[in-house]
Amino acid sequence: MQPRTKLFLYNVKIDNTFLDRIDSIVLPTNVCQITAVCANLTNGSGYLSIFNEKTNEQILNQRFVAHDNKHFNVKNTPVYSTPENNNLSYVLRLIDTDPEKICRLKIYITYNEKPIQK
C-alpha cells in the first residue's frame, strides 16, 4: 500500500509587538515524511526557520515570508524530512509589521501519510 500525500495547515495569530517568536507545530501522528513547506505571513514580513523538535534537524533555514499574492505552487519549498513521530519547532523573526493590525502566520506542510496497518 502506497503512502498518501496530504496537506497540514498550521495557522496562528502572531503577537507583533515582539520581534521574535519561537513556538511548536504539533504534527498529525501519521506523518512519515515531509515533502514541502509553504509559509505566508499576513500584515508583515520576516524570516522563518523550521526545525525537528527532538533531533534539531533543520528543515527550513531563514526563508523570507511575507503577505503576497503568489500562488501556493510558486511559494512551496521542496524539503525532505522524516520526523518519526516528532513535532516541529519554528523561529519567526519579524522585520516589518503594523502593530495596529492583526498578524497571522500560516504554514502549509505537505507530507506523506503512513499506511494503516491491519
PDB file of N, CA and C in Angstrom:
ATOM      1  N   MET A   1       0.836  -1.184   0.000  1.00  0.00           N
ATOM      2  CA  MET A   1       0.000   0.000   0.000  1.00  0.00           C
ATOM      3  C   MET A   1       0.883   1.251   0.000  1.00  0.00           C
ATOM      4  N   GLN A   2       0.657   2.144  -0.936  1.00  0.00           N
ATOM      5  CA  GLN A   2       1.451   3.360  -1.083  1.00  0.00           C
ATOM      6  C   GLN A   2       1.022   4.421  -0.067  1.00  0.00           C
ATOM      7  N   PRO A   3       1.975   5.201   0.455  1.00  0.00           N
ATOM      8  CA  PRO A   3       1.583   6.304   1.341  1.00  0.00           C
ATOM      9  C   PRO A   3       0.865   7.396   0.549  1.00  0.00           C
ATOM     10  N   ARG A   4      -0.112   8.023   1.182  1.00  0.00           N
ATOM     11  CA  ARG A   4      -0.863   9.095   0.539  1.00  0.00           C
ATOM     12  C   ARG A   4      -0.256  10.439   0.902  1.00  0.00           C
ATOM     13  N   THR A   5      -0.342  11.387  -0.021  1.00  0.00           N
ATOM     14  CA  THR A   5       0.148  12.738   0.230  1.00  0.00           C
ATOM     15  C   THR A   5      -0.993  13.585   0.771  1.00  0.00           C
ATOM     16  N   LYS A   6      -0.717  14.293   1.872  1.00  0.00           N
ATOM     17  CA  LYS A   6      -1.725  15.143   2.498  1.00  0.00           C
ATOM     18  C   LYS A   6      -1.128  16.503   2.794  1.00  0.00           C
ATOM     19  N   LEU A   7      -1.998  17.458   3.127  1.00  0.00           N
ATOM     20  CA  LEU A   7      -1.590  18.819   3.439  1.00  0.00           C
ATOM     21  C   LEU A   7      -2.059  19.163   4.850  1.00  0.00           C
ATOM     22  N   PHE A   8      -1.143  19.715   5.652  1.00  0.00           N
ATOM     23  CA  PHE A   8      -1.447  20.115   7.019  1.00  0.00           C
ATOM     24  C   PHE A   8      -1.266  21.631   7.117  1.00  0.00           C
ATOM     25  N   LEU A   9      -2.243  22.320   7.713  1.00  0.00           N
ATOM     26  CA  LEU A   9      -2.169  23.769   7.862  1.00  0.00           C
ATOM     27  C   LEU A   9      -1.951  24.120   9.323  1.00  0.00           C
ATOM     28  N   TYR A  10      -0.875  24.857   9.585  1.00  0.00           N
ATOM     29  CA  TYR A  10      -0.630  25.427  10.901  1.00  0.00           C
ATOM     30  C   TYR A  10      -0.951  26.909  10.778  1.00  0.00           C
ATOM     31  N   ASN A  11      -1.938  27.373  11.538  1.00  0.00           N
ATOM     32  CA  ASN A  11      -2.427  28.737  11.430  1.00  0.00           C
ATOM     33  C   ASN A  11      -2.441  29.342  12.826  1.00  0.00           C
ATOM     34  N   VAL A  12      -1.708  30.431  13.041  1.00  0.00           N
ATOM     35  CA  VAL A  12      -1.613  31.021  14.371  1.00  0.00           C
ATOM     36  C   VAL A  12      -1.566  32.543  14.273  1.00  0.00           C
ATOM     37  N   LYS A  13      -2.189  33.189  15.265  1.00  0.00           N
ATOM     38  CA  LYS A  13      -2.127  34.643  15.380  1.00  0.00           C
ATOM     39  C   LYS A  13      -0.805  35.010  16.045  1.00  0.00           C
ATOM     40  N   ILE A  14      -0.090  35.969  15.472  1.00  0.00           N
ATOM     41  CA  ILE A  14       1.218  36.379  15.956  1.00  0.00           C
ATOM     42  C   ILE A  14       1.078  37.680  16.743  1.00  0.00           C
ATOM     43  N   ASP A  15       1.681  37.723  17.931  1.00  0.00           N
ATOM     44  CA  ASP A  15       1.742  38.962  18.696  1.00  0.00           C
ATOM     45  C   ASP A  15       2.864  39.806  18.095  1.00  0.00           C
ATOM     46  N   ASN A  16       2.508  40.771  17.259  1.00  0.00           N
ATOM     47  CA  ASN A  16       3.519  41.522  16.527  1.00  0.00           C
ATOM     48  C   ASN A  16       4.066  42.720  17.297  1.00  0.00           C
ATOM     49  N   THR A  17       3.887  42.733  18.601  1.00  0.00           N
ATOM     50  CA  THR A  17       4.568  43.745  19.408  1.00  0.00           C
ATOM     51  C   THR A  17       5.966  43.260  19.784  1.00  0.00           C
ATOM     52  N   PHE A  18       6.254  41.985  19.513  1.00  0.00           N
ATOM     53  CA  PHE A  18       7.593  41.414  19.717  1.00  0.00           C
ATOM     54  C   PHE A  18       8.221  41.152  18.360  1.00  0.00           C
ATOM     55  N   LEU A  19       9.541  41.132  18.292  1.00  0.00           N
ATOM     56  CA  LEU A  19      10.231  40.889  17.028  1.00  0.00           C
ATOM     57  C   LEU A  19      10.432  39.413  16.743  1.00  0.00           C
ATOM     58  N   ASP A  20      10.562  38.589  17.788  1.00  0.00           N
ATOM     59  CA  ASP A  20      10.833  37.165  17.609  1.00  0.00           C
ATOM     60  C   ASP A  20       9.717  36.334  18.219  1.00  0.00           C
ATOM     61  N   ARG A  21       9.486  35.176  17.603  1.00  0.00           N
ATOM     62  CA  ARG A  21       8.539  34.209  18.155  1.00  0.00           C
ATOM     63  C   ARG A  21       9.119  32.816  17.950  1.00  0.00           C
ATOM     64  N   ILE A  22       9.141  32.041  19.030  1.00  0.00           N
ATOM     65  CA  ILE A  22       9.580  30.646  18.992  1.00  0.00           C
ATOM     66  C   ILE A  22       8.409  29.821  19.487  1.00  0.00           C
ATOM     67  N   ASP A  23       8.005  28.822  18.684  1.00  0.00           N
ATOM     68  CA  ASP A  23       6.837  28.028  19.061  1.00  0.00           C
ATOM     69  C   ASP A  23       6.960  26.630  18.467  1.00  0.00           C
ATOM     70  N   SER A  24       5.982  25.800  18.773  1.00  0.00           N
ATOM     71  CA  SER A  24       5.976  24.407  18.347  1.00  0.00           C
ATOM     72  C   SER A  24       4.813  24.148  17.395  1.00  0.00           C
ATOM     73  N   ILE A  25       5.026  23.264  16.432  1.00  0.00           N
ATOM     74  CA  ILE A  25       3.992  22.825  15.495  1.00  0.00           C
ATOM     75  C   ILE A  25       3.721  21.354  15.787  1.00  0.00           C
ATOM     76  N   VAL A  26       2.519  21.044  16.231  1.00  0.00           N
ATOM     77  CA  VAL A  26       2.148  19.660  16.540  1.00  0.00           C
ATOM     78  C   VAL A  26       1.635  19.008  15.255  1.00  0.00           C
ATOM     79  N   LEU A  27       2.373  18.011  14.792  1.00  0.00           N
ATOM     80  CA  LEU A  27       2.023  17.308  13.555  1.00  0.00           C
ATOM     81  C   LEU A  27       1.055  16.167  13.829  1.00  0.00           C
ATOM     82  N   PRO A  28       0.286  15.748  12.816  1.00  0.00           N
ATOM     83  CA  PRO A  28      -0.529  14.538  12.972  1.00  0.00           C
ATOM     84  C   PRO A  28       0.374  13.324  13.222  1.00  0.00           C
ATOM     85  N   THR A  29      -0.137  12.311  13.891  1.00  0.00           N
ATOM     86  CA  THR A  29       0.678  11.155  14.275  1.00  0.00           C
ATOM     87  C   THR A  29       1.066  10.274  13.089  1.00  0.00           C
ATOM     88  N   ASN A  30       0.371  10.383  11.973  1.00  0.00           N
ATOM     89  CA  ASN A  30       0.646   9.501  10.843  1.00  0.00           C
ATOM     90  C   ASN A  30       1.605  10.102   9.808  1.00  0.00           C
ATOM     91  N   VAL A  31       2.333  11.157  10.150  1.00  0.00           N
ATOM     92  CA  VAL A  31       3.302  11.757   9.237  1.00  0.00           C
ATOM     93  C   VAL A  31       4.543  10.868   9.173  1.00  0.00           C
ATOM     94  N   CYS A  32       4.911  10.441   7.958  1.00  0.00           N
ATOM     95  CA  CYS A  32       6.143   9.647   7.838  1.00  0.00           C
ATOM     96  C   CYS A  32       7.235  10.410   7.104  1.00  0.00           C
ATOM     97  N   GLN A  33       6.880  11.347   6.222  1.00  0.00           N
ATOM     98  CA  GLN A  33       7.883  12.130   5.503  1.00  0.00           C
ATOM     99  C   GLN A  33       7.290  13.478   5.102  1.00  0.00           C
ATOM    100  N   ILE A  34       8.019  14.547   5.387  1.00  0.00           N
ATOM    101  CA  ILE A  34       7.616  15.893   4.965  1.00  0.00           C
ATOM    102  C   ILE A  34       8.274  16.158   3.618  1.00  0.00           C
ATOM    103  N   THR A  35       7.462  16.562   2.634  1.00  0.00           N
ATOM    104  CA  THR A  35       7.987  16.751   1.284  1.00  0.00           C
ATOM    105  C   THR A  35       8.052  18.215   0.850  1.00  0.00           C
ATOM    106  N   ALA A  36       7.255  19.100   1.464  1.00  0.00           N
ATOM    107  CA  ALA A  36       7.264  20.510   1.070  1.00  0.00           C
ATOM    108  C   ALA A  36       6.703  21.383   2.184  1.00  0.00           C
ATOM    109  N   VAL A  37       7.136  22.645   2.197  1.00  0.00           N
ATOM    110  CA  VAL A  37       6.670  23.622   3.178  1.00  0.00           C
ATOM    111  C   VAL A  37       6.371  24.922   2.444  1.00  0.00           C
ATOM    112  N   CYS A  38       5.236  25.527   2.764  1.00  0.00           N
ATOM    113  CA  CYS A  38       4.856  26.814   2.186  1.00  0.00           C
ATOM    114  C   CYS A  38       4.397  27.706   3.335  1.00  0.00           C
ATOM    115  N   ALA A  39       4.995  28.890   3.464  1.00  0.00           N
ATOM    116  CA  ALA A  39       4.654  29.791   4.565  1.00  0.00           C
ATOM    117  C   ALA A  39       4.146  31.122   4.034  1.00  0.00           C
ATOM    118  N   ASN A  40       3.194  31.706   4.763  1.00  0.00           N
ATOM    119  CA  ASN A  40       2.641  33.005   4.425  1.00  0.00           C
ATOM    120  C   ASN A  40       2.430  33.787   5.713  1.00  0.00           C
ATOM    121  N   LEU A  41       2.739  35.066   5.692  1.00  0.00           N
ATOM    122  CA  LEU A  41       2.590  35.934   6.858  1.00  0.00           C
ATOM    123  C   LEU A  41       1.731  37.117   6.456  1.00  0.00           C
ATOM    124  N   THR A  42       0.550  37.261   7.059  1.00  0.00           N
ATOM    125  CA  THR A  42      -0.300  38.404   6.753  1.00  0.00           C
ATOM    126  C   THR A  42       0.085  39.567   7.652  1.00  0.00           C
ATOM    127  N   ASN A  43       0.029  40.769   7.115  1.00  0.00           N
ATOM    128  CA  ASN A  43       0.382  42.007   7.810  1.00  0.00           C
ATOM    129  C   ASN A  43       1.811  41.981   8.332  1.00  0.00           C
ATOM    130  N   GLY A  44       2.730  41.730   7.446  1.00  0.00           N
ATOM    131  CA  GLY A  44       4.121  41.782   7.867  1.00  0.00           C
ATOM    132  C   GLY A  44       5.030  40.979   6.968  1.00  0.00           C
ATOM    133  N   SER A  45       6.309  41.044   7.294  1.00  0.00           N
ATOM    134  CA  SER A  45       7.304  40.233   6.614  1.00  0.00           C
ATOM    135  C   SER A  45       8.393  39.879   7.606  1.00  0.00           C
ATOM    136  N   GLY A  46       9.080  38.786   7.315  1.00  0.00           N
ATOM    137  CA  GLY A  46      10.128  38.341   8.220  1.00  0.00           C
ATOM    138  C   GLY A  46      10.810  37.101   7.694  1.00  0.00           C
ATOM    139  N   TYR A  47      11.555  36.453   8.577  1.00  0.00           N
ATOM    140  CA  TYR A  47      12.298  35.247   8.223  1.00  0.00           C
ATOM    141  C   TYR A  47      11.863  34.100   9.120  1.00  0.00           C
ATOM    142  N   LEU A  48      11.676  32.930   8.517  1.00  0.00           N
ATOM    143  CA  LEU A  48      11.178  31.757   9.219  1.00  0.00           C
ATOM    144  C   LEU A  48      12.174  30.617   9.101  1.00  0.00           C
ATOM    145  N   SER A  49      12.477  29.980  10.235  1.00  0.00           N
ATOM    146  CA  SER A  49      13.290  28.763  10.265  1.00  0.00           C
ATOM    147  C   SER A  49      12.475  27.680  10.952  1.00  0.00           C
ATOM    148  N   ILE A  50      12.537  26.451  10.417  1.00  0.00           N
ATOM    149  CA  ILE A  50      11.789  25.330  10.978  1.00  0.00           C
ATOM    150  C   ILE A  50      12.760  24.196  11.284  1.00  0.00           C
ATOM    151  N   PHE A  51      12.587  23.572  12.465  1.00  0.00           N
ATOM    152  CA  PHE A  51      13.465  22.504  12.939  1.00  0.00           C
ATOM    153  C   PHE A  51      12.640  21.327  13.424  1.00  0.00           C
ATOM    154  N   ASN A  52      13.247  20.136  13.412  1.00  0.00           N
ATOM    155  CA  ASN A  52      12.682  18.975  14.081  1.00  0.00           C
ATOM    156  C   ASN A  52      12.904  19.200  15.573  1.00  0.00           C
ATOM    157  N   GLU A  53      11.847  19.082  16.365  1.00  0.00           N
ATOM    158  CA  GLU A  53      11.926  19.443  17.783  1.00  0.00           C
ATOM    159  C   GLU A  53      12.853  18.526  18.583  1.00  0.00           C
ATOM    160  N   LYS A  54      12.880  17.254  18.238  1.00  0.00           N
ATOM    161  CA  LYS A  54      13.665  16.298  19.024  1.00  0.00           C
ATOM    162  C   LYS A  54      15.128  16.233  18.586  1.00  0.00           C
ATOM    163  N   THR A  55      15.366  16.147  17.279  1.00  0.00           N
ATOM    164  CA  THR A  55      16.735  15.982  16.777  1.00  0.00           C
ATOM    165  C   THR A  55      17.385  17.306  16.389  1.00  0.00           C
ATOM    166  N   ASN A  56      16.620  18.377  16.368  1.00  0.00           N
ATOM    167  CA  ASN A  56      17.100  19.700  15.970  1.00  0.00           C
ATOM    168  C   ASN A  56      17.561  19.748  14.514  1.00  0.00           C
ATOM    169  N   GLU A  57      17.086  18.807  13.698  1.00  0.00           N
ATOM    170  CA  GLU A  57      17.378  18.805  12.264  1.00  0.00           C
ATOM    171  C   GLU A  57      16.726  20.030  11.627  1.00  0.00           C
ATOM    172  N   GLN A  58      17.487  20.738  10.825  1.00  0.00           N
ATOM    173  CA  GLN A  58      16.979  21.943  10.186  1.00  0.00           C
ATOM    174  C   GLN A  58      16.218  21.573   8.922  1.00  0.00           C
ATOM    175  N   ILE A  59      14.954  21.982   8.854  1.00  0.00           N
ATOM    176  CA  ILE A  59      14.112  21.678   7.704  1.00  0.00           C
ATOM    177  C   ILE A  59      14.054  22.865   6.749  1.00  0.00           C
ATOM    178  N   LEU A  60      13.960  24.051   7.309  1.00  0.00           N
ATOM    179  CA  LEU A  60      13.893  25.281   6.527  1.00  0.00           C
ATOM    180  C   LEU A  60      14.765  26.313   7.224  1.00  0.00           C
ATOM    181  N   ASN A  61      15.626  27.001   6.478  1.00  0.00           N
ATOM    182  CA  ASN A  61      16.552  27.943   7.092  1.00  0.00           C
ATOM    183  C   ASN A  61      16.302  29.361   6.604  1.00  0.00           C
ATOM    184  N   GLN A  62      15.879  30.216   7.469  1.00  0.00           N
ATOM    185  CA  GLN A  62      15.680  31.638   7.224  1.00  0.00           C
ATOM    186  C   GLN A  62      15.012  31.922   5.883  1.00  0.00           C
ATOM    187  N   ARG A  63      13.866  31.347   5.701  1.00  0.00           N
ATOM    188  CA  ARG A  63      13.084  31.559   4.487  1.00  0.00           C
ATOM    189  C   ARG A  63      12.300  32.861   4.640  1.00  0.00           C
ATOM    190  N   PHE A  64      12.372  33.745   3.650  1.00  0.00           N
ATOM    191  CA  PHE A  64      11.646  35.006   3.695  1.00  0.00           C
ATOM    192  C   PHE A  64      10.153  34.727   3.543  1.00  0.00           C
ATOM    193  N   VAL A  65       9.356  35.253   4.458  1.00  0.00           N
ATOM    194  CA  VAL A  65       7.903  35.115   4.393  1.00  0.00           C
ATOM    195  C   VAL A  65       7.288  36.499   4.433  1.00  0.00           C
ATOM    196  N   ALA A  66       6.229  36.668   3.654  1.00  0.00           N
ATOM    197  CA  ALA A  66       5.557  37.964   3.599  1.00  0.00           C
ATOM    198  C   ALA A  66       4.133  37.767   3.100  1.00  0.00           C
ATOM    199  N   HIS A  67       3.361  38.826   3.210  1.00  0.00           N
ATOM    200  CA  HIS A  67       1.998  38.824   2.692  1.00  0.00           C
ATOM    201  C   HIS A  67       2.063  39.218   1.220  1.00  0.00           C
ATOM    202  N   ASP A  68       1.958  38.228   0.369  1.00  0.00           N
ATOM    203  CA  ASP A  68       1.942  38.489  -1.062  1.00  0.00           C
ATOM    204  C   ASP A  68       0.880  37.614  -1.703  1.00  0.00           C
ATOM    205  N   ASN A  69       0.642  37.847  -2.946  1.00  0.00           N
ATOM    206  CA  ASN A  69      -0.415  37.111  -3.649  1.00  0.00           C
ATOM    207  C   ASN A  69       0.139  36.026  -4.552  1.00  0.00           C
ATOM    208  N   LYS A  70       1.323  35.525  -4.232  1.00  0.00           N
ATOM    209  CA  LYS A  70       1.892  34.449  -5.042  1.00  0.00           C
ATOM    210  C   LYS A  70       1.105  33.161  -4.831  1.00  0.00           C
ATOM    211  N   HIS A  71       1.013  32.370  -5.879  1.00  0.00           N
ATOM    212  CA  HIS A  71       0.282  31.106  -5.816  1.00  0.00           C
ATOM    213  C   HIS A  71       1.037  30.101  -4.941  1.00  0.00           C
ATOM    214  N   PHE A  72       0.288  29.192  -4.350  1.00  0.00           N
ATOM    215  CA  PHE A  72       0.847  28.157  -3.481  1.00  0.00           C
ATOM    216  C   PHE A  72       1.970  27.384  -4.165  1.00  0.00           C
ATOM    217  N   ASN A  73       1.807  27.036  -5.429  1.00  0.00           N
ATOM    218  CA  ASN A  73       2.821  26.266  -6.151  1.00  0.00           C
ATOM    219  C   ASN A  73       4.121  27.041  -6.350  1.00  0.00           C
ATOM    220  N   VAL A  74       4.054  28.357  -6.382  1.00  0.00           N
ATOM    221  CA  VAL A  74       5.252  29.183  -6.545  1.00  0.00           C
ATOM    222  C   VAL A  74       6.004  29.295  -5.218  1.00  0.00           C
ATOM    223  N   LYS A  75       5.272  29.424  -4.110  1.00  0.00           N
ATOM    224  CA  LYS A  75       5.889  29.619  -2.800  1.00  0.00           C
ATOM    225  C   LYS A  75       6.276  28.315  -2.113  1.00  0.00           C
ATOM    226  N   ASN A  76       5.779  27.188  -2.596  1.00  0.00           N
ATOM    227  CA  ASN A  76       6.024  25.894  -1.969  1.00  0.00           C
ATOM    228  C   ASN A  76       7.506  25.518  -2.103  1.00  0.00           C
ATOM    229  N   THR A  77       8.162  25.221  -0.991  1.00  0.00           N
ATOM    230  CA  THR A  77       9.575  24.877  -0.986  1.00  0.00           C
ATOM    231  C   THR A  77       9.738  23.380  -0.766  1.00  0.00           C
ATOM    232  N   PRO A  78      10.336  22.649  -1.717  1.00  0.00           N
ATOM    233  CA  PRO A  78      10.544  21.215  -1.512  1.00  0.00           C
ATOM    234  C   PRO A  78      11.574  20.965  -0.408  1.00  0.00           C
ATOM    235  N   VAL A  79      11.270  20.047   0.489  1.00  0.00           N
ATOM    236  CA  VAL A  79      12.175  19.646   1.570  1.00  0.00           C
ATOM    237  C   VAL A  79      12.107  18.134   1.703  1.00  0.00           C
ATOM    238  N   TYR A  80      13.027  17.568   2.458  1.00  0.00           N
ATOM    239  CA  TYR A  80      12.986  16.141   2.759  1.00  0.00           C
ATOM    240  C   TYR A  80      13.284  15.971   4.239  1.00  0.00           C
ATOM    241  N   SER A  81      12.291  15.476   4.971  1.00  0.00           N
ATOM    242  CA  SER A  81      12.476  15.262   6.403  1.00  0.00           C
ATOM    243  C   SER A  81      11.592  14.109   6.846  1.00  0.00           C
ATOM    244  N   THR A  82      12.129  13.275   7.718  1.00  0.00           N
ATOM    245  CA  THR A  82      11.355  12.186   8.315  1.00  0.00           C
ATOM    246  C   THR A  82      11.270  12.450   9.814  1.00  0.00           C
ATOM    247  N   PRO A  83      10.200  13.087  10.263  1.00  0.00           N
ATOM    248  CA  PRO A  83      10.116  13.499  11.663  1.00  0.00           C
ATOM    249  C   PRO A  83       9.942  12.357  12.665  1.00  0.00           C
ATOM    250  N   GLU A  84       9.513  11.171  12.237  1.00  0.00           N
ATOM    251  CA  GLU A  84       9.381   9.993  13.103  1.00  0.00           C
ATOM    252  C   GLU A  84       8.636  10.297  14.402  1.00  0.00           C
ATOM    253  N   ASN A  85       7.403  10.701  14.263  1.00  0.00           N
ATOM    254  CA  ASN A  85       6.505  10.997  15.394  1.00  0.00           C
ATOM    255  C   ASN A  85       6.994  12.145  16.266  1.00  0.00           C
ATOM    256  N   ASN A  86       7.818  13.018  15.734  1.00  0.00           N
ATOM    257  CA  ASN A  86       8.252  14.210  16.450  1.00  0.00           C
ATOM    258  C   ASN A  86       7.498  15.420  15.927  1.00  0.00           C
ATOM    259  N   ASN A  87       7.427  16.436  16.745  1.00  0.00           N
ATOM    260  CA  ASN A  87       6.834  17.687  16.320  1.00  0.00           C
ATOM    261  C   ASN A  87       7.925  18.596  15.770  1.00  0.00           C
ATOM    262  N   LEU A  88       7.501  19.712  15.204  1.00  0.00           N
ATOM    263  CA  LEU A  88       8.435  20.687  14.665  1.00  0.00           C
ATOM    264  C   LEU A  88       8.436  21.928  15.538  1.00  0.00           C
ATOM    265  N   SER A  89       9.522  22.665  15.516  1.00  0.00           N
ATOM    266  CA  SER A  89       9.561  23.971  16.170  1.00  0.00           C
ATOM    267  C   SER A  89       9.998  24.987  15.133  1.00  0.00           C
ATOM    268  N   TYR A  90       9.607  26.236  15.351  1.00  0.00           N
ATOM    269  CA  TYR A  90       9.978  27.276  14.399  1.00  0.00           C
ATOM    270  C   TYR A  90      10.418  28.534  15.120  1.00  0.00           C
ATOM    271  N   VAL A  91      11.194  29.331  14.408  1.00  0.00           N
ATOM    272  CA  VAL A  91      11.619  30.646  14.874  1.00  0.00           C
ATOM    273  C   VAL A  91      11.199  31.635  13.799  1.00  0.00           C
ATOM    274  N   LEU A  92      10.429  32.635  14.186  1.00  0.00           N
ATOM    275  CA  LEU A  92       9.986  33.683  13.265  1.00  0.00           C
ATOM    276  C   LEU A  92      10.578  35.004  13.728  1.00  0.00           C
ATOM    277  N   ARG A  93      11.284  35.670  12.849  1.00  0.00           N
ATOM    278  CA  ARG A  93      11.833  36.999  13.152  1.00  0.00           C
ATOM    279  C   ARG A  93      11.141  38.009  12.250  1.00  0.00           C
ATOM    280  N   LEU A  94      10.358  38.891  12.854  1.00  0.00           N
ATOM    281  CA  LEU A  94       9.650  39.919  12.096  1.00  0.00           C
ATOM    282  C   LEU A  94      10.602  41.055  11.745  1.00  0.00           C
ATOM    283  N   ILE A  95      10.518  41.537  10.504  1.00  0.00           N
ATOM    284  CA  ILE A  95      11.327  42.691  10.118  1.00  0.00           C
ATOM    285  C   ILE A  95      10.449  43.884   9.757  1.00  0.00           C
ATOM    286  N   ASP A  96       9.172  43.636   9.450  1.00  0.00           N
ATOM    287  CA  ASP A  96       8.263  44.718   9.115  1.00  0.00           C
ATOM    288  C   ASP A  96       6.841  44.291   9.463  1.00  0.00           C
ATOM    289  N   THR A  97       6.143  45.115  10.254  1.00  0.00           N
ATOM    290  CA  THR A  97       4.766  44.818  10.617  1.00  0.00           C
ATOM    291  C   THR A  97       4.092  46.079  11.147  1.00  0.00           C
ATOM    292  N   ASP A  98       2.777  46.079  11.151  1.00  0.00           N
ATOM    293  CA  ASP A  98       1.998  47.173  11.720  1.00  0.00           C
ATOM    294  C   ASP A  98       1.323  46.650  12.987  1.00  0.00           C
ATOM    295  N   PRO A  99       1.759  47.085  14.180  1.00  0.00           N
ATOM    296  CA  PRO A  99       1.181  46.575  15.435  1.00  0.00           C
ATOM    297  C   PRO A  99      -0.300  46.876  15.603  1.00  0.00           C
ATOM    298  N   GLU A 100      -0.848  47.789  14.809  1.00  0.00           N
ATOM    299  CA  GLU A 100      -2.269  48.130  14.895  1.00  0.00           C
ATOM    300  C   GLU A 100      -3.154  47.089  14.210  1.00  0.00           C
ATOM    301  N   LYS A 101      -2.561  46.250  13.362  1.00  0.00           N
ATOM    302  CA  LYS A 101      -3.329  45.250  12.614  1.00  0.00           C
ATOM    303  C   LYS A 101      -2.988  43.844  13.093  1.00  0.00           C
ATOM    304  N   ILE A 102      -3.887  42.900  12.841  1.00  0.00           N
ATOM    305  CA  ILE A 102      -3.681  41.503  13.228  1.00  0.00           C
ATOM    306  C   ILE A 102      -2.669  40.856  12.290  1.00  0.00           C
ATOM    307  N   CYS A 103      -1.723  40.135  12.868  1.00  0.00           N
ATOM    308  CA  CYS A 103      -0.690  39.439  12.108  1.00  0.00           C
ATOM    309  C   CYS A 103      -0.924  37.931  12.249  1.00  0.00           C
ATOM    310  N   ARG A 104      -0.917  37.198  11.133  1.00  0.00           N
ATOM    311  CA  ARG A 104      -1.147  35.757  11.142  1.00  0.00           C
ATOM    312  C   ARG A 104      -0.066  35.041  10.368  1.00  0.00           C
ATOM    313  N   LEU A 105       0.372  33.904  10.917  1.00  0.00           N
ATOM    314  CA  LEU A 105       1.337  33.043  10.247  1.00  0.00           C
ATOM    315  C   LEU A 105       0.619  31.767   9.825  1.00  0.00           C
ATOM    316  N   LYS A 106       0.731  31.435   8.535  1.00  0.00           N
ATOM    317  CA  LYS A 106       0.163  30.195   8.005  1.00  0.00           C
ATOM    318  C   LYS A 106       1.291  29.386   7.400  1.00  0.00           C
ATOM    319  N   ILE A 107       1.431  28.143   7.864  1.00  0.00           N
ATOM    320  CA  ILE A 107       2.444  27.242   7.327  1.00  0.00           C
ATOM    321  C   ILE A 107       1.731  26.004   6.795  1.00  0.00           C
ATOM    322  N   TYR A 108       1.861  25.773   5.492  1.00  0.00           N
ATOM    323  CA  TYR A 108       1.290  24.591   4.854  1.00  0.00           C
ATOM    324  C   TYR A 108       2.392  23.545   4.754  1.00  0.00           C
ATOM    325  N   ILE A 109       2.160  22.375   5.332  1.00  0.00           N
ATOM    326  CA  ILE A 109       3.144  21.297   5.321  1.00  0.00           C
ATOM    327  C   ILE A 109       2.576  20.142   4.504  1.00  0.00           C
ATOM    328  N   THR A 110       3.248  19.802   3.405  1.00  0.00           N
ATOM    329  CA  THR A 110       2.857  18.662   2.570  1.00  0.00           C
ATOM    330  C   THR A 110       3.628  17.453   3.073  1.00  0.00           C
ATOM    331  N   TYR A 111       2.901  16.377   3.355  1.00  0.00           N
ATOM    332  CA  TYR A 111       3.555  15.197   3.918  1.00  0.00           C
ATOM    333  C   TYR A 111       2.973  13.919   3.340  1.00  0.00           C
ATOM    334  N   ASN A 112       3.754  12.845   3.441  1.00  0.00           N
ATOM    335  CA  ASN A 112       3.282  11.511   3.099  1.00  0.00           C
ATOM    336  C   ASN A 112       2.783  10.858   4.373  1.00  0.00           C
ATOM    337  N   GLU A 113       1.637  10.220   4.249  1.00  0.00           N
ATOM    338  CA  GLU A 113       0.973   9.586   5.388  1.00  0.00           C
ATOM    339  C   GLU A 113       1.377   8.116   5.482  1.00  0.00           C
ATOM    340  N   LYS A 114       1.591   7.626   6.689  1.00  0.00           N
ATOM    341  CA  LYS A 114       1.873   6.204   6.883  1.00  0.00           C
ATOM    342  C   LYS A 114       0.635   5.390   6.541  1.00  0.00           C
ATOM    343  N   PRO A 115       0.811   4.265   5.850  1.00  0.00           N
ATOM    344  CA  PRO A 115      -0.352   3.397   5.604  1.00  0.00           C
ATOM    345  C   PRO A 115      -0.809   2.764   6.920  1.00  0.00           C
ATOM    346  N   ILE A 116      -2.093   2.583   7.038  1.00  0.00           N
ATOM    347  CA  ILE A 116      -2.671   1.982   8.254  1.00  0.00           C
ATOM    348  C   ILE A 116      -2.402   0.486   8.243  1.00  0.00           C
ATOM    349  N   GLN A 117      -1.829  -0.007   9.331  1.00  0.00           N
ATOM    350  CA  GLN A 117      -1.538  -1.443   9.469  1.00  0.00           C
ATOM    351  C   GLN A 117      -2.812  -2.158   9.895  1.00  0.00           C
ATOM    352  N   LYS A 118      -3.096  -3.285   9.240  1.00  0.00           N
ATOM    353  CA  LYS A 118      -4.286  -4.066   9.593  1.00  0.00           C
ATOM    354  C   LYS A 118      -3.882  -5.367  10.229  1.00  0.00           C
TER     355      LYS A 118
END
